[in-house]
Amino acid sequence: MGDIGSTCPAARPTVAAFRSWADSMLTQPSDELGRDGPVCPYVRPSMRRDLLWLAQVPAAEPRPMWVRAIIRDALELYPELPTGNGSSSSVLRALITVFPNLTDYSLIDEIHEEFKTKFVERGSMLGQFYPGCDQPGLWNKEFRPLDAPMPMLVVRSMMTTDFPFLLDDPEWADAYVRKFAPTLPTHVRSVMVSRLTSRHASQVPAYEVAPTDESFSTSS
């Protein structure tokens, strides 16, 4: 999904809706975000470099077995997507599956819960977005970054800044450490050690500093 737009006529309204949301929200700063910069600093460079792919499932009530098959395909397809001039670990690649007519958002949560571990084990992240999604933001718990105009499941590369979302599950934390152990930023190592050595993990802050560890270049 770059500057040339969609080549599939049936998908153009969905692409236009996503682009409108990206332009008005994802690529813009927000007073509610809790940090400086756009809500997602990677969306604009991803679109500019043609590293964002969008597909749609138009059915209003898709069978769960179909959706599972689609996400299994995404699990295999994502690592094979082109990276431009970057490496296979480029943080700019994203694969977005949109369900523009779906009204039962519980299916999105169900599929996300079922498949997240599979993606994390491969060094990727699976995110759930839909209207009214109440998952809190990282820097401001009152902010709802996953509240989107359309239900969707998003695959992207795991980043060092994802560690607060992965520490509560041993399998996720293990996958995170295996991917980033040699290059973990000092503040990340500090918080992880505090979590592992504290008897009261809830008293240890999940995230204190939010530097931009990943470069916007496709070589990152």
Protein backbone atom coordinates (compact mmCIF):
# COMPACT_ATOMS: atom_id res chain seq x y z
CA MET A 1 0.00 0.00 0.00
CA GLY A 2 2.16 2.78 -1.30
CA ASP A 3 1.57 5.94 -3.29
CA ILE A 4 0.15 4.05 -6.26
CA GLY A 5 -2.84 2.83 -4.25
CA SER A 6 -4.68 -0.47 -4.57
CA THR A 7 -4.66 -2.48 -7.79
CA CYS A 8 -7.78 -4.39 -6.69
CA PRO A 9 -11.00 -2.43 -7.34
CA ALA A 10 -12.92 -4.36 -4.66
CA ALA A 11 -10.37 -3.39 -2.02
CA ARG A 12 -10.11 0.32 -2.85
CA PRO A 13 -12.74 1.49 -0.30
CA THR A 14 -10.95 -0.44 2.43
CA VAL A 15 -7.58 0.94 1.38
CA ALA A 16 -8.99 4.45 1.32
CA ALA A 17 -10.50 4.03 4.80
CA PHE A 18 -7.23 2.73 6.19
CA ARG A 19 -5.23 5.51 4.56
CA SER A 20 -7.61 8.11 5.97
CA TRP A 21 -7.15 6.67 9.48
CA ALA A 22 -3.38 6.50 9.02
CA ASP A 23 -3.22 10.12 7.83
CA SER A 24 -5.52 11.52 10.52
CA MET A 25 -4.45 9.42 13.50
CA LEU A 26 -1.54 6.98 13.19
CA THR A 27 0.92 9.41 11.63
CA GLN A 28 -0.09 12.34 13.85
CA PRO A 29 0.93 13.30 17.40
CA SER A 30 -1.68 13.07 20.14
CA ASP A 31 -1.92 14.87 23.47
CA GLU A 32 -3.25 11.63 24.96
CA LEU A 33 -0.34 9.49 23.76
CA GLY A 34 1.99 10.31 26.65
CA ARG A 35 5.10 10.92 24.53
CA ASP A 36 6.23 13.11 21.66
CA GLY A 37 5.95 12.10 18.02
CA PRO A 38 3.25 10.37 15.97
CA VAL A 39 1.09 7.62 17.38
CA CYS A 40 2.97 5.11 15.21
CA PRO A 41 6.27 6.48 13.86
CA TYR A 42 6.67 3.57 11.47
CA VAL A 43 3.50 3.88 9.40
CA ARG A 44 4.54 6.82 7.24
CA PRO A 45 7.99 5.45 6.28
CA SER A 46 6.46 2.01 5.76
CA MET A 47 3.91 3.38 3.29
CA ARG A 48 6.52 5.54 1.61
CA ARG A 49 8.76 2.53 0.99
CA ASP A 50 5.89 0.24 -0.12
CA LEU A 51 6.45 -2.06 2.84
CA LEU A 52 2.87 -2.15 4.09
CA TRP A 53 0.53 -4.80 2.69
CA LEU A 54 -3.22 -4.76 3.20
CA ALA A 55 -5.75 -7.52 2.45
CA GLN A 56 -9.44 -7.66 3.19
CA VAL A 57 -11.92 -10.37 4.19
CA PRO A 58 -15.24 -8.84 3.07
CA ALA A 59 -17.63 -11.34 4.69
CA ALA A 60 -19.80 -9.91 7.48
CA GLU A 61 -19.70 -13.21 9.37
CA PRO A 62 -16.63 -15.14 8.19
CA ARG A 63 -16.36 -18.66 9.50
CA PRO A 64 -13.73 -18.89 12.24
CA MET A 65 -12.07 -21.76 10.37
CA TRP A 66 -11.57 -19.45 7.38
CA VAL A 67 -10.05 -16.73 9.52
CA ARG A 68 -7.74 -19.25 11.16
CA ALA A 69 -6.58 -20.42 7.74
CA ILE A 70 -5.95 -16.83 6.67
CA ILE A 71 -3.89 -16.05 9.76
CA ARG A 72 -1.93 -19.27 9.36
CA ASP A 73 -1.12 -18.08 5.84
CA ALA A 74 -0.06 -14.72 7.27
CA LEU A 75 2.27 -16.52 9.70
CA GLU A 76 4.06 -18.16 6.77
CA LEU A 77 3.81 -15.26 4.34
CA TYR A 78 5.07 -12.41 6.52
CA PRO A 79 8.74 -13.50 6.68
CA GLU A 80 8.76 -13.86 2.89
CA LEU A 81 7.52 -10.35 2.12
CA PRO A 82 9.92 -8.05 0.26
CA THR A 83 11.99 -5.74 2.46
CA GLY A 84 13.03 -3.14 -0.08
CA ASN A 85 16.72 -2.53 0.48
CA GLY A 86 16.54 -3.70 4.07
CA SER A 87 17.21 -6.90 5.93
CA SER A 88 14.70 -9.63 6.68
CA SER A 89 14.22 -8.09 10.12
CA SER A 90 13.17 -4.67 8.83
CA VAL A 91 10.79 -3.06 11.33
CA LEU A 92 8.94 -1.28 8.54
CA ARG A 93 7.18 -4.34 7.11
CA ALA A 94 3.57 -4.84 8.13
CA LEU A 95 0.85 -7.21 6.91
CA ILE A 96 -2.69 -6.03 7.68
CA THR A 97 -5.80 -8.17 7.30
CA VAL A 98 -8.96 -6.05 7.44
CA PHE A 99 -12.48 -7.32 8.07
CA PRO A 100 -14.47 -4.25 6.92
CA ASN A 101 -17.94 -5.78 7.38
CA LEU A 102 -17.35 -7.76 10.57
CA THR A 103 -19.46 -6.66 13.54
CA ASP A 104 -18.67 -9.39 16.08
CA TYR A 105 -15.28 -8.19 17.25
CA SER A 106 -14.94 -11.07 19.70
CA LEU A 107 -13.64 -13.11 16.76
CA ILE A 108 -10.69 -10.72 16.45
CA ASP A 109 -9.82 -11.14 20.13
CA GLU A 110 -10.26 -14.91 19.87
CA ILE A 111 -7.92 -15.27 16.90
CA HIS A 112 -5.41 -12.88 18.43
CA GLU A 113 -5.26 -14.87 21.67
CA GLU A 114 -4.98 -18.16 19.81
CA PHE A 115 -2.18 -17.12 17.43
CA LYS A 116 -0.11 -14.53 19.27
CA THR A 117 2.33 -17.06 20.72
CA LYS A 118 2.91 -18.59 17.29
CA PHE A 119 3.90 -15.19 15.89
CA VAL A 120 6.02 -14.21 18.89
CA GLU A 121 7.96 -17.47 18.62
CA ARG A 122 8.98 -16.37 15.13
CA GLY A 123 10.02 -12.89 16.19
CA SER A 124 6.85 -11.13 15.04
CA MET A 125 3.90 -9.45 16.73
CA LEU A 126 0.20 -9.94 16.05
CA GLY A 127 -2.00 -6.99 16.99
CA GLN A 128 -5.78 -6.75 17.24
CA PHE A 129 -7.59 -3.56 16.21
CA TYR A 130 -11.30 -2.80 16.09
CA PRO A 131 -13.79 -0.08 17.02
CA GLY A 132 -13.91 0.28 20.80
CA CYS A 133 -10.87 -1.92 21.55
CA ASP A 134 -10.05 -1.02 25.15
CA GLN A 135 -6.42 -2.17 25.33
CA PRO A 136 -4.51 0.67 27.07
CA GLY A 137 -1.56 2.56 25.67
CA LEU A 138 1.99 2.04 26.90
CA TRP A 139 2.70 5.53 28.16
CA ASN A 140 -0.84 6.61 29.03
CA LYS A 141 -3.21 3.92 30.30
CA GLU A 142 -6.19 6.09 29.34
CA PHE A 143 -5.17 6.16 25.68
CA ARG A 144 -6.62 3.48 23.40
CA PRO A 145 -4.21 2.99 20.47
CA LEU A 146 -5.97 -0.16 19.18
CA ASP A 147 -9.35 1.57 18.82
CA ALA A 148 -9.59 1.58 15.01
CA PRO A 149 -12.37 2.38 12.52
CA MET A 150 -12.28 -1.16 11.13
CA PRO A 151 -11.54 -4.56 12.68
CA MET A 152 -8.15 -5.88 11.63
CA LEU A 153 -5.28 -8.16 12.58
CA VAL A 154 -1.82 -6.72 12.03
CA VAL A 155 1.48 -8.57 11.70
CA ARG A 156 4.70 -6.66 12.22
CA SER A 157 8.24 -7.27 13.36
CA MET A 158 8.95 -7.57 17.08
CA MET A 159 10.86 -4.55 18.40
CA THR A 160 12.95 -4.04 21.52
CA THR A 161 10.29 -1.66 22.80
CA ASP A 162 7.74 -4.52 22.83
CA PHE A 163 9.16 -6.04 26.01
CA PRO A 164 6.41 -4.71 28.36
CA PHE A 165 3.87 -6.65 26.29
CA LEU A 166 5.84 -9.90 26.50
CA LEU A 167 7.17 -10.18 30.05
CA ASP A 168 4.03 -11.68 31.56
CA ASP A 169 4.27 -14.89 29.53
CA PRO A 170 7.43 -17.03 29.86
CA GLU A 171 7.22 -18.22 26.25
CA TRP A 172 6.94 -14.65 24.96
CA ALA A 173 9.75 -13.40 27.18
CA ASP A 174 11.96 -16.27 26.03
CA ALA A 175 11.30 -15.45 22.38
CA TYR A 176 12.07 -11.79 23.04
CA VAL A 177 15.38 -12.56 24.75
CA ARG A 178 16.39 -15.02 22.02
CA LYS A 179 15.85 -12.35 19.39
CA PHE A 180 17.36 -9.33 21.14
CA ALA A 181 19.73 -10.58 23.86
CA PRO A 182 22.94 -9.34 22.18
CA THR A 183 21.59 -5.83 21.59
CA LEU A 184 19.13 -5.11 24.42
CA PRO A 185 19.26 -1.44 25.47
CA THR A 186 20.51 -0.79 29.00
CA HIS A 187 17.16 0.48 30.29
CA VAL A 188 15.42 -2.64 28.95
CA ARG A 189 17.90 -4.99 30.63
CA SER A 190 17.49 -3.06 33.88
CA VAL A 191 13.71 -3.42 33.93
CA MET A 192 13.86 -7.10 32.93
CA VAL A 193 16.31 -7.87 35.74
CA SER A 194 14.09 -6.00 38.19
CA ARG A 195 11.07 -8.00 37.07
CA LEU A 196 12.92 -11.30 37.38
CA THR A 197 14.38 -10.57 40.83
CA SER A 198 11.41 -8.83 42.42
CA ARG A 199 8.95 -10.81 44.51
CA HIS A 200 6.28 -8.27 43.69
CA ALA A 201 6.46 -7.82 39.95
CA SER A 202 3.50 -5.47 39.99
CA GLN A 203 5.64 -2.94 41.88
CA VAL A 204 8.26 -2.87 39.15
CA PRO A 205 7.52 -0.35 36.39
CA ALA A 206 6.92 -1.97 33.03
CA TYR A 207 8.44 0.88 31.08
CA GLU A 208 10.13 4.09 32.19
CA VAL A 209 11.93 5.40 29.15
CA ALA A 210 10.80 5.27 25.55
CA PRO A 211 13.75 6.02 23.27
CA THR A 212 13.46 5.16 19.62
CA ASP A 213 15.71 2.09 19.41
CA GLU A 214 14.84 1.11 15.88
CA SER A 215 15.94 3.15 12.92
CA PHE A 216 13.45 4.23 10.26
CA SER A 217 15.77 2.94 7.56
CA THR A 218 15.00 -0.37 5.94
CA SER A 219 18.39 -1.65 7.02
CA SER A 220 17.29 -1.83 10.66
